[in-house]
Protein backbone atom coordinates (compact mmCIF):
# COMPACT_ATOMS: atom_id res chain seq x y z
CA MET A 1 82.35 132.05 80.87
CA LEU A 2 83.14 128.58 82.16
CA LYS A 3 80.27 126.86 83.88
CA HIS A 4 80.97 124.38 86.65
CA THR A 5 78.88 122.82 89.38
CA SER A 6 79.69 120.83 92.49
CA VAL A 7 78.93 117.15 92.30
CA GLY A 8 76.54 116.43 95.12
CA SER A 9 76.47 117.87 98.62
CA SER A 10 77.76 114.58 100.02
CA THR A 11 81.13 115.00 98.33
CA PRO A 12 83.53 115.71 101.21
CA GLN A 13 85.66 118.82 101.58
CA VAL A 14 89.20 117.71 102.45
CA ARG A 15 92.37 119.25 103.77
CA ASN A 16 94.57 118.49 100.77
CA GLY A 17 92.20 117.81 97.95
CA SER A 18 88.84 119.34 97.05
CA SER A 19 85.28 118.69 96.11
CA LEU A 20 84.73 117.85 92.46
CA HIS A 21 83.84 120.44 89.82
CA LYS A 22 82.33 119.41 86.52
CA PHE A 23 83.02 121.56 83.51
CA LYS A 24 82.15 121.85 79.85
CA TYR A 25 84.88 123.01 77.48
CA ASN A 26 84.49 126.51 76.04
CA GLY A 27 87.84 127.01 74.29
CA GLU A 28 89.99 127.81 77.33
CA LEU A 29 93.07 126.10 75.81
CA ASP A 30 92.97 127.99 72.51
CA SER A 31 95.20 130.82 73.75
CA LEU A 32 98.04 128.39 74.44
CA LEU A 33 98.23 127.35 70.80
CA GLU A 34 98.34 130.74 69.14
CA GLY A 35 101.38 131.09 66.91
CA LEU A 36 102.42 127.45 67.21
CA PRO A 37 103.13 125.24 64.16
CA PHE A 38 100.36 123.65 62.13
CA THR A 39 100.87 120.24 63.77
CA PHE A 40 99.72 121.69 67.08
CA GLN A 41 96.53 122.88 65.43
CA ILE A 42 95.72 119.26 64.59
CA VAL A 43 96.23 118.31 68.24
CA LYS A 44 94.06 121.24 69.23
CA GLU A 45 91.13 120.10 67.10
CA THR A 46 91.42 116.52 68.36
CA CYS A 47 91.43 117.56 72.02
CA LYS A 48 88.65 120.04 71.43
CA ASN A 49 86.38 117.34 70.00
CA ILE A 50 87.05 115.09 72.99
CA LEU A 51 86.47 117.83 75.57
CA GLU A 52 83.31 119.17 73.99
CA ASN A 53 81.60 115.77 73.96
CA HIS A 54 82.35 114.60 77.50
CA THR A 55 82.13 115.82 81.08
CA PHE A 56 85.47 116.20 82.86
CA TYR A 57 87.16 117.25 86.06
CA ALA A 58 90.51 119.05 85.94
CA TRP A 59 93.50 119.54 88.23
CA LYS A 60 96.93 121.05 87.82
CA ARG A 61 99.83 118.63 88.36
CA PRO A 62 103.62 118.73 87.83
CA ALA A 63 104.45 117.66 84.29
CA HIS A 64 107.40 115.45 85.29
CA LEU A 65 105.26 113.01 87.28
CA ARG A 66 104.29 109.73 85.62
CA SER A 67 101.17 107.84 86.57
CA HIS A 68 101.45 104.43 88.22
CA TRP A 69 99.38 101.93 90.16
CA LEU A 70 99.46 101.75 93.96
CA PHE A 71 98.86 98.31 95.50
CA LEU A 72 97.84 98.13 99.19
CA THR A 73 97.93 94.56 100.49
CA GLU A 74 97.51 93.02 103.92
CA LYS A 75 101.11 91.76 103.88
CA GLY A 76 102.59 95.21 103.00
CA PRO A 77 104.55 97.29 102.16
CA ALA A 78 102.77 99.46 99.60
CA ILE A 79 103.94 98.74 96.04
CA VAL A 80 104.05 101.29 93.20
CA VAL A 81 103.90 99.54 89.82
CA ASP A 82 104.68 101.07 86.43
CA SER A 83 101.38 100.82 84.55
CA ARG A 84 103.16 100.71 81.17
CA ASN A 85 105.86 98.11 81.71
CA ILE A 86 104.15 96.29 84.60
CA GLU A 87 107.22 96.40 86.82
CA ILE A 88 107.73 97.44 90.43
CA LYS A 89 109.08 100.99 90.66
CA TRP A 90 109.04 101.64 94.41
CA SER A 91 108.32 99.83 97.64
CA LEU A 92 106.99 102.50 100.01
CA LYS A 93 107.11 101.93 103.74
CA PHE A 94 104.37 104.23 104.96
CA PRO A 95 101.85 103.07 107.59
CA TYR A 96 98.35 101.97 106.67
CA ASP A 97 95.73 99.85 108.45
CA LYS A 98 96.48 96.29 107.28
CA ARG A 99 93.59 94.91 109.33
CA GLN A 100 91.15 96.88 107.18
CA ILE A 101 92.92 95.67 104.05
CA GLN A 102 92.51 92.10 105.30
CA LYS A 103 88.74 92.67 105.48
CA LEU A 104 88.43 94.59 102.21
CA GLY A 105 90.99 92.73 100.11
CA THR A 106 93.74 94.25 97.98
CA ILE A 107 93.14 97.89 96.99
CA ILE A 108 94.51 99.34 93.73
CA CYS A 109 94.72 103.10 93.21
CA GLU A 110 96.07 105.37 90.52
CA CYS A 111 98.94 107.45 91.80
CA ALA A 112 102.21 109.25 91.09
CA PHE A 113 105.26 109.27 93.38
CA ASP A 114 107.63 112.22 93.40
CA SER A 115 110.93 110.83 94.71
CA HIS A 116 112.45 114.34 94.92
CA ASP A 117 110.26 115.41 97.84
CA SER A 118 108.80 111.99 98.80
CA THR A 119 105.24 112.98 97.88
CA LEU A 120 102.69 110.33 96.94
CA TRP A 121 99.78 111.69 94.88
CA ILE A 122 96.58 109.58 94.88
CA TRP A 123 93.58 110.60 92.73
CA ASP A 124 91.61 107.48 91.77
CA ILE A 125 90.65 104.12 93.25
CA LEU A 126 90.39 101.37 90.62
CA TYR A 127 89.83 98.16 92.61
CA TYR A 128 88.07 98.01 95.98
CA GLU A 129 86.27 95.26 97.92
CA LYS A 130 87.18 92.83 95.11
CA GLN A 131 85.26 94.92 92.57
CA ASP A 132 86.41 96.67 89.40
CA LEU A 133 85.33 100.24 90.16
CA TRP A 134 87.02 101.81 87.15
CA SER A 135 84.86 99.88 84.66
CA ASN A 136 81.59 100.01 86.56
CA MET A 137 81.42 103.23 88.58
CA PRO A 138 81.53 106.93 87.54
CA TYR A 139 84.43 108.96 88.79
CA SER A 140 82.43 111.07 91.26
CA LYS A 141 81.48 107.88 93.13
CA ARG A 142 85.06 106.57 93.02
CA TRP A 143 86.33 109.88 94.40
CA GLU A 144 83.81 109.67 97.23
CA ILE A 145 85.02 106.16 98.14
CA LEU A 146 88.61 107.37 97.93
CA GLN A 147 87.92 110.19 100.39
CA LYS A 148 85.55 108.47 102.81
CA GLN A 149 86.88 104.90 102.84
CA LEU A 150 90.54 104.95 101.80
CA ARG A 151 91.79 108.07 103.59
CA PRO A 152 91.03 106.68 107.09
CA ILE A 153 93.08 103.57 106.20
CA ILE A 154 96.19 105.54 105.20
CA GLN A 155 97.98 107.27 108.08
CA GLU A 156 99.03 110.59 106.58
CA ASN A 157 102.05 112.55 107.84
CA HIS A 158 103.04 109.87 110.36
CA PRO A 159 105.98 111.05 112.57
CA LEU A 160 108.06 108.00 111.61
CA CYS A 161 107.39 108.25 107.89
CA ASP A 162 108.90 110.79 105.52
CA ILE A 163 106.35 110.13 102.74
CA HIS A 164 103.66 112.79 102.34
CA VAL A 165 100.33 111.65 100.90
CA GLN A 166 98.55 114.29 98.79
CA TYR A 167 95.26 114.43 96.91
CA PRO A 168 94.52 116.67 93.91
CA THR A 169 92.75 120.00 94.13
CA TRP A 170 89.99 119.82 91.56
CA THR A 171 89.11 123.22 90.17
CA SER A 172 87.66 124.90 87.13
CA LEU A 173 89.65 124.91 83.92
CA GLN A 174 89.21 128.67 83.77
CA GLN A 175 90.96 129.10 87.12
CA ILE A 176 93.86 126.87 86.06
CA MET A 177 94.37 128.91 82.90
CA THR A 178 94.33 132.23 84.77
CA GLU A 179 96.86 130.95 87.34
CA HIS A 180 99.30 129.34 84.91
CA GLU A 181 102.50 131.32 84.49
CA GLU A 182 105.19 128.81 83.64
CA PRO A 183 105.49 125.66 81.57
CA GLY A 184 106.45 122.58 83.51
CA PHE A 185 102.99 121.63 84.67
CA SER A 186 100.18 119.72 83.04
CA ILE A 187 96.40 119.67 83.24
CA GLU A 188 94.87 116.30 83.94
CA PHE A 189 91.38 115.72 82.56
CA GLN A 190 89.46 113.04 84.41
CA PRO A 191 86.24 111.94 82.67
CA GLU A 192 83.15 111.38 84.77
CA LYS A 193 82.00 108.37 82.75
CA ASN A 194 83.26 105.00 83.99
CA GLY A 195 85.69 103.07 81.81
CA GLN A 196 86.96 106.26 80.13
CA ARG A 197 90.71 106.89 80.11
CA ARG A 198 91.90 110.23 81.42
CA PHE A 199 94.39 112.31 79.45
CA LEU A 200 96.97 115.02 80.14
CA TRP A 201 97.50 118.36 78.50
CA ILE A 202 101.17 119.30 78.92
CA ILE A 203 101.58 123.04 78.55
CA PRO A 204 103.68 123.55 75.38
CA LYS A 205 106.62 125.91 75.42
CA LYS A 206 107.12 128.18 72.43
CA ILE A 207 110.56 127.95 70.79
CA ASP A 208 111.73 131.27 69.37
CA THR A 209 115.19 130.23 68.09
CA PHE A 210 116.20 127.03 66.32
CA HIS A 211 119.94 126.24 66.49
CA PRO A 212 121.32 124.35 63.44
CA ALA A 213 123.36 121.22 64.05
CA ASN A 214 127.13 121.75 63.93
CA TYR A 215 128.25 118.88 61.67
CA HIS A 216 131.84 120.18 61.54
CA GLU A 217 132.13 119.85 65.30
CA ARG A 218 130.67 116.32 65.19
CA LYS A 219 133.26 115.31 62.54
CA MET A 220 136.13 116.64 64.66
CA ILE A 221 134.94 114.73 67.71
CA SER A 222 134.57 111.55 65.62
CA GLU A 223 138.12 111.86 64.24
CA GLN A 224 139.55 112.49 67.69
CA CYS A 225 137.83 109.38 69.01
CA GLN A 226 139.22 107.25 66.14
CA ASP A 227 142.79 108.53 66.64
CA THR A 228 142.79 107.84 70.34
CA LYS A 229 144.71 104.67 71.27
CA PRO A 230 144.20 102.87 74.55
CA GLN A 231 147.04 103.36 76.99
CA ASP A 232 148.95 100.50 78.48
CA THR A 233 147.62 100.29 82.00
CA LYS A 234 149.27 97.40 83.85
CA PRO A 235 148.02 96.74 87.33
CA GLN A 236 150.42 97.82 90.03
CA ASP A 237 151.41 95.50 92.81
CA THR A 238 149.92 97.11 95.86
CA LYS A 239 149.21 95.51 99.18
CA PRO A 240 145.69 96.03 100.50
CA GLN A 241 145.52 98.15 103.60
CA ASP A 242 143.52 97.17 106.63
CA THR A 243 140.84 99.84 106.69
CA LYS A 244 138.44 98.10 109.09
CA PRO A 245 137.19 100.71 111.59
CA GLN A 246 137.75 100.21 115.31
CA SER A 247 134.44 99.72 117.08
CA LYS A 248 135.47 101.35 120.39
CA VAL A 249 136.74 104.63 118.94
CA ILE A 250 134.34 107.59 119.06
CA GLN A 251 134.90 110.03 116.20
CA VAL A 252 133.51 113.35 115.05
CA GLY A 253 131.85 113.17 111.64
CA ILE A 254 129.50 115.07 109.36
CA LEU A 255 125.95 113.84 108.80
CA ARG A 256 124.10 114.66 105.58
CA LYS A 257 120.71 113.51 104.28
CA ASP A 258 121.04 111.12 101.34
CA MET A 259 119.11 113.05 98.67
CA ARG A 260 119.43 110.28 96.07
CA SER A 261 117.76 107.66 98.24
CA LYS A 262 114.07 106.92 97.69
CA LEU A 263 113.68 105.80 101.32
CA PRO A 264 112.94 108.12 104.25
CA ASP A 265 115.36 108.67 107.16
CA THR A 266 118.44 107.84 105.09
CA TYR A 267 121.60 109.70 106.08
CA LYS A 268 125.25 109.49 105.03
CA VAL A 269 128.30 109.94 107.25
CA PHE A 270 131.41 111.82 106.14
CA SER A 271 134.76 112.30 107.85
CA LYS A 272 136.23 115.71 108.64
CA GLU A 273 138.16 115.38 105.38
CA ASN A 274 134.82 114.91 103.57
CA LYS A 275 135.47 111.21 102.92
CA ASP A 276 132.30 109.20 102.38
CA LEU A 277 131.95 106.69 105.24
CA GLY A 278 128.68 105.16 104.04
CA LEU A 279 125.15 105.13 105.38
CA ALA A 280 124.52 105.98 109.02
CA ALA A 281 122.89 103.66 111.55
CA ILE A 282 120.10 105.38 113.51
CA LYS A 283 119.18 103.01 116.35
CA SER A 284 116.95 105.29 118.42
CA ILE A 285 113.42 106.29 117.39
CA ASP A 286 113.75 109.54 119.37
CA LEU A 287 116.95 110.37 117.50
CA SER A 288 115.25 109.59 114.17
CA ILE A 289 112.41 112.03 114.92
CA HIS A 290 114.90 114.64 116.17
CA LEU A 291 117.00 114.36 113.00
CA ARG A 292 113.95 114.74 110.79
CA LYS A 293 113.10 118.05 112.47
CA LEU A 294 116.71 119.28 112.30
CA PHE A 295 117.13 118.55 108.60
CA GLN A 296 114.14 120.71 107.74
CA ASN A 297 116.34 123.75 108.45
CA ALA A 298 119.88 122.65 107.49
CA GLU A 299 121.73 120.30 105.13
CA LEU A 300 124.43 118.90 107.47
CA TYR A 301 125.34 118.53 111.14
CA ASN A 302 128.45 117.59 113.12
CA VAL A 303 127.86 114.35 115.00
CA GLU A 304 129.63 111.85 117.23
CA ILE A 305 129.90 108.47 115.51
CA LYS A 306 131.15 105.00 116.39
CA TRP A 307 131.52 101.92 114.23
CA TYR A 308 128.68 99.46 114.85
CA GLU A 309 129.90 96.00 113.86
CA PRO A 310 126.53 94.13 113.61
CA PHE A 311 125.22 96.65 111.03
CA GLN A 312 128.60 97.30 109.38
CA LYS A 313 127.81 101.01 109.62
CA TYR A 314 128.71 104.04 111.68
CA GLU A 315 126.21 104.64 114.45
CA VAL A 316 125.21 108.23 115.22
CA LEU A 317 125.56 108.76 118.98
CA ARG A 318 124.57 112.41 119.34
CA ILE A 319 124.37 115.78 117.56
CA LEU A 320 127.17 118.23 118.38
């Protein structure tokens, strides 16, 4: 049986997140590696040695998420930086108390941002009050600071922000293994000792059939590419048409949420003929909140639009 204990009665219970649970490894991952190639057995022994000699916390997370650093500064917005290449990945405009940041100094957290559903996962605080917490403080203390000090600074589920802030649900490794049904998620192991790097266990998927490479098909494609000659494409003399919209004309269009955008409240306007007219201008806060509620239940709406010259966009006047 897996033994786990809560870390201190002062560790807060939270709405999305949980109290910490220590565990000692007792071979819970062995069943995942049965029947896999010999190379996986080497990985198994390596991970087993690490787990058996340290104290960890575990949580189940989507496997496609990559870990980054979250920078909260007094000048905003929040910046998500790729921890491998040290480059800015996202600039997130979600509200947080910049006056507190001005008192505390820049805060750095470990996070992952899921651009598909605009969810920001935060599970560790690395730099706080101008101190290196990661190197000098055990994880249970860092988690307590994250819950008691950082959460009041970040305004979660703000009505004008489409970014949802989430915290991990720490649980026993035994419970994770009994719940797991599909690949596509990973188990994150967070060591209690300060200065220790966490690591992920991505659930491997067994491959029953190996398909041989079709070299004959590759050769045919290569020969077809070599025989293809570029066609003579001379530019045709065409006069540009004046397609500038008239600002006083009210039209009926189709409004869709821009699913490829990483920013909240981004919508695209289409004509009745399904022609892309570009991004929509939403000038009213009330309309922005109303649209957010509507698009929880549908993918498109008919709207009245008018060209707004200062923004060079179509303004949404009302929902039909």
